[in-house]
N, C-alpha and C. Protein backbone atom coordinates (compact mmCIF):
# COMPACT_ATOMS: atom_id res chain seq x y z
N MET A 1 -16.58 13.47 -15.43
CA MET A 1 -15.66 13.82 -14.37
C MET A 1 -15.40 15.32 -14.44
N ALA A 2 -15.51 15.98 -13.32
CA ALA A 2 -15.27 17.42 -13.26
C ALA A 2 -13.78 17.70 -13.36
N ALA A 3 -13.45 18.85 -13.92
CA ALA A 3 -12.05 19.26 -14.00
C ALA A 3 -11.53 19.53 -12.60
N PRO A 4 -10.28 19.16 -12.32
CA PRO A 4 -9.74 19.40 -10.99
C PRO A 4 -9.54 20.89 -10.75
N SER A 5 -9.60 21.27 -9.48
CA SER A 5 -9.31 22.66 -9.12
C SER A 5 -7.86 22.96 -9.48
N SER A 6 -7.51 24.22 -9.52
CA SER A 6 -6.12 24.57 -9.87
C SER A 6 -5.15 24.01 -8.83
N LYS A 7 -5.56 23.99 -7.57
CA LYS A 7 -4.71 23.42 -6.53
C LYS A 7 -4.52 21.92 -6.74
N ASP A 8 -5.60 21.23 -7.05
CA ASP A 8 -5.51 19.79 -7.31
C ASP A 8 -4.69 19.51 -8.57
N ALA A 9 -4.86 20.34 -9.59
CA ALA A 9 -4.10 20.16 -10.84
C ALA A 9 -2.60 20.31 -10.56
N ARG A 10 -2.23 21.29 -9.73
CA ARG A 10 -0.82 21.46 -9.36
C ARG A 10 -0.31 20.25 -8.59
N ALA A 11 -1.13 19.74 -7.68
CA ALA A 11 -0.73 18.56 -6.90
C ALA A 11 -0.57 17.34 -7.80
N LEU A 12 -1.46 17.18 -8.77
CA LEU A 12 -1.35 16.05 -9.70
C LEU A 12 -0.07 16.17 -10.54
N ARG A 13 0.24 17.38 -10.99
CA ARG A 13 1.48 17.58 -11.76
C ARG A 13 2.69 17.28 -10.89
N ALA A 14 2.66 17.71 -9.64
CA ALA A 14 3.78 17.46 -8.73
C ALA A 14 3.93 15.96 -8.47
N LEU A 15 2.81 15.28 -8.23
CA LEU A 15 2.86 13.83 -8.02
C LEU A 15 3.44 13.13 -9.24
N GLY A 16 2.95 13.50 -10.41
CA GLY A 16 3.45 12.90 -11.64
C GLY A 16 4.94 13.13 -11.83
N GLN A 17 5.38 14.36 -11.57
CA GLN A 17 6.82 14.68 -11.69
C GLN A 17 7.63 13.90 -10.67
N ASN A 18 7.10 13.76 -9.45
CA ASN A 18 7.79 12.98 -8.42
C ASN A 18 7.93 11.52 -8.85
N LEU A 19 6.86 10.95 -9.41
CA LEU A 19 6.94 9.56 -9.88
C LEU A 19 7.97 9.43 -11.00
N ARG A 20 7.98 10.40 -11.90
CA ARG A 20 8.97 10.39 -12.99
C ARG A 20 10.38 10.46 -12.41
N ASN A 21 10.60 11.35 -11.46
CA ASN A 21 11.93 11.48 -10.85
C ASN A 21 12.36 10.18 -10.17
N TRP A 22 11.44 9.55 -9.45
CA TRP A 22 11.76 8.27 -8.81
C TRP A 22 12.07 7.20 -9.85
N ARG A 23 11.32 7.20 -10.95
CA ARG A 23 11.58 6.22 -12.03
C ARG A 23 12.99 6.41 -12.57
N ILE A 24 13.39 7.66 -12.78
CA ILE A 24 14.73 7.95 -13.30
C ILE A 24 15.79 7.57 -12.28
N ILE A 25 15.55 7.87 -11.00
CA ILE A 25 16.49 7.47 -9.95
C ILE A 25 16.71 5.96 -9.96
N HIS A 26 15.62 5.21 -10.19
CA HIS A 26 15.70 3.75 -10.23
C HIS A 26 16.25 3.24 -11.56
N LYS A 27 16.55 4.18 -12.48
CA LYS A 27 17.09 3.83 -13.79
C LYS A 27 16.16 2.89 -14.57
N ILE A 28 14.87 3.20 -14.48
CA ILE A 28 13.85 2.44 -15.21
C ILE A 28 13.38 3.32 -16.36
N THR A 29 13.47 2.81 -17.57
CA THR A 29 13.01 3.58 -18.73
C THR A 29 11.48 3.64 -18.73
N ALA A 30 10.95 4.62 -19.43
CA ALA A 30 9.49 4.74 -19.55
C ALA A 30 8.92 3.49 -20.21
N GLU A 31 9.62 2.97 -21.21
CA GLU A 31 9.15 1.77 -21.90
C GLU A 31 9.07 0.58 -20.94
N LEU A 32 10.11 0.40 -20.13
CA LEU A 32 10.13 -0.73 -19.19
C LEU A 32 9.07 -0.56 -18.11
N MET A 33 8.92 0.66 -17.58
CA MET A 33 7.90 0.89 -16.55
C MET A 33 6.52 0.60 -17.10
N ALA A 34 6.23 1.12 -18.30
CA ALA A 34 4.93 0.88 -18.91
C ALA A 34 4.68 -0.62 -19.08
N GLU A 35 5.69 -1.33 -19.52
CA GLU A 35 5.57 -2.78 -19.70
C GLU A 35 5.29 -3.48 -18.37
N ARG A 36 6.01 -3.10 -17.33
CA ARG A 36 5.82 -3.72 -16.01
C ARG A 36 4.43 -3.45 -15.45
N VAL A 37 3.92 -2.25 -15.68
CA VAL A 37 2.60 -1.88 -15.16
C VAL A 37 1.49 -2.47 -16.02
N GLY A 38 1.79 -2.70 -17.31
CA GLY A 38 0.78 -3.21 -18.23
C GLY A 38 -0.03 -2.10 -18.87
N ILE A 39 0.62 -0.96 -19.10
CA ILE A 39 -0.02 0.19 -19.74
C ILE A 39 0.84 0.64 -20.92
N SER A 40 0.30 1.51 -21.72
CA SER A 40 1.08 2.04 -22.83
C SER A 40 2.06 3.11 -22.31
N ARG A 41 3.09 3.36 -23.09
CA ARG A 41 4.04 4.41 -22.74
C ARG A 41 3.32 5.76 -22.70
N THR A 42 2.36 5.95 -23.61
CA THR A 42 1.58 7.19 -23.64
C THR A 42 0.82 7.39 -22.34
N THR A 43 0.22 6.33 -21.82
CA THR A 43 -0.50 6.42 -20.55
C THR A 43 0.45 6.74 -19.41
N LEU A 44 1.62 6.10 -19.40
CA LEU A 44 2.61 6.40 -18.36
C LEU A 44 3.00 7.87 -18.41
N LEU A 45 3.28 8.37 -19.59
CA LEU A 45 3.69 9.77 -19.72
C LEU A 45 2.57 10.71 -19.29
N ALA A 46 1.32 10.34 -19.55
CA ALA A 46 0.18 11.15 -19.10
C ALA A 46 0.13 11.18 -17.57
N ILE A 47 0.36 10.04 -16.93
CA ILE A 47 0.39 9.98 -15.46
C ILE A 47 1.51 10.86 -14.94
N GLU A 48 2.67 10.78 -15.57
CA GLU A 48 3.82 11.57 -15.13
C GLU A 48 3.63 13.07 -15.38
N LYS A 49 2.70 13.41 -16.25
CA LYS A 49 2.38 14.83 -16.49
C LYS A 49 1.24 15.30 -15.59
N GLY A 50 0.66 14.38 -14.81
CA GLY A 50 -0.39 14.75 -13.87
C GLY A 50 -1.79 14.68 -14.42
N SER A 51 -2.03 13.78 -15.36
CA SER A 51 -3.36 13.64 -15.93
C SER A 51 -4.38 13.27 -14.87
N PRO A 52 -5.49 14.03 -14.78
CA PRO A 52 -6.52 13.69 -13.80
C PRO A 52 -7.31 12.44 -14.20
N ALA A 53 -7.10 11.97 -15.41
CA ALA A 53 -7.82 10.78 -15.88
C ALA A 53 -7.09 9.48 -15.53
N ALA A 54 -5.95 9.59 -14.87
CA ALA A 54 -5.17 8.39 -14.53
C ALA A 54 -5.95 7.47 -13.61
N ARG A 55 -5.89 6.19 -13.91
CA ARG A 55 -6.55 5.21 -13.04
C ARG A 55 -5.68 4.98 -11.80
N ILE A 56 -6.35 4.93 -10.67
CA ILE A 56 -5.61 4.81 -9.40
C ILE A 56 -4.86 3.48 -9.32
N ASP A 57 -5.37 2.43 -9.94
CA ASP A 57 -4.65 1.15 -9.89
C ASP A 57 -3.34 1.23 -10.67
N ASN A 58 -3.32 2.01 -11.76
CA ASN A 58 -2.08 2.19 -12.50
C ASN A 58 -1.07 3.01 -11.70
N VAL A 59 -1.56 4.05 -11.04
CA VAL A 59 -0.68 4.87 -10.21
C VAL A 59 -0.13 4.02 -9.06
N MET A 60 -0.97 3.20 -8.45
CA MET A 60 -0.53 2.33 -7.35
C MET A 60 0.51 1.32 -7.85
N ALA A 61 0.31 0.78 -9.05
CA ALA A 61 1.28 -0.18 -9.59
C ALA A 61 2.63 0.49 -9.81
N ILE A 62 2.62 1.72 -10.31
CA ILE A 62 3.86 2.47 -10.49
C ILE A 62 4.54 2.68 -9.14
N MET A 63 3.75 3.10 -8.15
CA MET A 63 4.33 3.32 -6.81
C MET A 63 4.87 2.03 -6.22
N ARG A 64 4.19 0.91 -6.46
CA ARG A 64 4.65 -0.38 -5.94
C ARG A 64 6.01 -0.73 -6.56
N ILE A 65 6.15 -0.56 -7.87
CA ILE A 65 7.42 -0.86 -8.55
C ILE A 65 8.53 0.04 -8.01
N LEU A 66 8.20 1.28 -7.68
CA LEU A 66 9.20 2.24 -7.17
C LEU A 66 9.39 2.13 -5.65
N SER A 67 8.76 1.16 -5.02
CA SER A 67 8.84 0.94 -3.57
C SER A 67 8.30 2.13 -2.78
N LEU A 68 7.26 2.79 -3.30
CA LEU A 68 6.65 3.93 -2.64
C LEU A 68 5.25 3.64 -2.10
N ALA A 69 4.64 2.59 -2.57
CA ALA A 69 3.23 2.33 -2.27
C ALA A 69 2.97 2.22 -0.77
N ASP A 70 3.79 1.46 -0.05
CA ASP A 70 3.56 1.27 1.39
C ASP A 70 3.64 2.61 2.14
N ASP A 71 4.60 3.46 1.75
CA ASP A 71 4.74 4.76 2.42
C ASP A 71 3.54 5.66 2.13
N VAL A 72 3.04 5.62 0.90
CA VAL A 72 1.89 6.46 0.55
C VAL A 72 0.65 5.98 1.29
N VAL A 73 0.44 4.68 1.34
CA VAL A 73 -0.70 4.14 2.07
C VAL A 73 -0.59 4.50 3.55
N ALA A 74 0.59 4.37 4.12
CA ALA A 74 0.78 4.71 5.53
C ALA A 74 0.54 6.20 5.77
N ALA A 75 0.94 7.04 4.83
CA ALA A 75 0.75 8.48 4.98
C ALA A 75 -0.72 8.87 5.02
N THR A 76 -1.59 8.06 4.45
CA THR A 76 -3.01 8.37 4.43
C THR A 76 -3.78 7.71 5.57
N ASP A 77 -3.09 6.95 6.41
CA ASP A 77 -3.73 6.30 7.55
C ASP A 77 -3.99 7.34 8.64
N PRO A 78 -5.24 7.57 9.02
CA PRO A 78 -5.54 8.56 10.05
C PRO A 78 -4.84 8.28 11.38
N LEU A 79 -4.57 7.03 11.65
CA LEU A 79 -3.93 6.69 12.92
C LEU A 79 -2.46 7.06 12.96
N ASN A 80 -1.91 7.48 11.82
CA ASN A 80 -0.51 7.90 11.78
C ASN A 80 -0.33 9.39 12.03
N SER A 81 -1.41 10.08 12.39
CA SER A 81 -1.29 11.50 12.72
C SER A 81 -2.02 11.76 14.04
N GLU A 82 -1.51 12.73 14.76
CA GLU A 82 -2.13 13.07 16.04
C GLU A 82 -3.58 13.51 15.84
N TRP A 83 -3.81 14.37 14.83
CA TRP A 83 -5.15 14.86 14.55
C TRP A 83 -6.08 13.71 14.15
N GLY A 84 -5.60 12.80 13.32
CA GLY A 84 -6.40 11.66 12.91
C GLY A 84 -6.78 10.78 14.08
N ARG A 85 -5.83 10.52 14.96
CA ARG A 85 -6.12 9.70 16.15
C ARG A 85 -7.16 10.38 17.03
N MET A 86 -7.04 11.70 17.18
CA MET A 86 -8.00 12.45 17.98
C MET A 86 -9.40 12.36 17.36
N MET A 87 -9.48 12.54 16.06
CA MET A 87 -10.78 12.51 15.39
C MET A 87 -11.39 11.11 15.38
N MET A 88 -10.56 10.09 15.35
CA MET A 88 -11.07 8.71 15.36
C MET A 88 -11.72 8.37 16.69
N GLN A 89 -11.33 9.07 17.76
CA GLN A 89 -11.91 8.80 19.07
C GLN A 89 -13.30 9.40 19.21
N LYS A 90 -13.62 10.36 18.37
CA LYS A 90 -14.95 10.97 18.43
C LYS A 90 -15.95 10.01 17.77
N PRO A 91 -17.15 9.94 18.32
CA PRO A 91 -18.15 9.06 17.69
C PRO A 91 -18.57 9.62 16.32
N LEU A 92 -18.79 8.71 15.40
CA LEU A 92 -19.26 9.10 14.08
C LEU A 92 -20.73 9.50 14.17
N PRO A 93 -21.14 10.49 13.39
CA PRO A 93 -22.56 10.87 13.41
C PRO A 93 -23.41 9.71 12.90
N GLN A 94 -24.58 9.56 13.49
CA GLN A 94 -25.50 8.52 13.07
C GLN A 94 -26.22 8.95 11.81
N ARG A 95 -26.29 8.06 10.88
CA ARG A 95 -26.97 8.32 9.62
C ARG A 95 -28.48 8.15 9.84
N VAL A 96 -29.23 9.13 9.40
CA VAL A 96 -30.68 9.06 9.54
C VAL A 96 -31.27 8.62 8.21
N ARG A 97 -32.03 7.55 8.26
CA ARG A 97 -32.68 7.04 7.04
C ARG A 97 -34.13 7.46 7.04
N SER A 98 -34.58 7.87 5.89
CA SER A 98 -36.00 8.29 5.81
C SER A 98 -36.84 7.24 5.14
């Protein structure tokens, strides 16, 4: 796996910090969150620090427990943005097989 760009690394750290903040707002300890997700506390802390090695299913489980998963999934839906809807109306390029 290639190292993330500095911009991506900052975004991962911000995401991890946001998840940590939401966990604290929900008054869920790191130990309890890790237990609910089925990961070690060390893995949870790595995710909260923005580790690029985090498995997406673990991040999704954390977001589900924090009631964030549906909003994140909706935010990535192209049909939820004007630009995405516009681009979806354009025909996709045809793949040429050799």
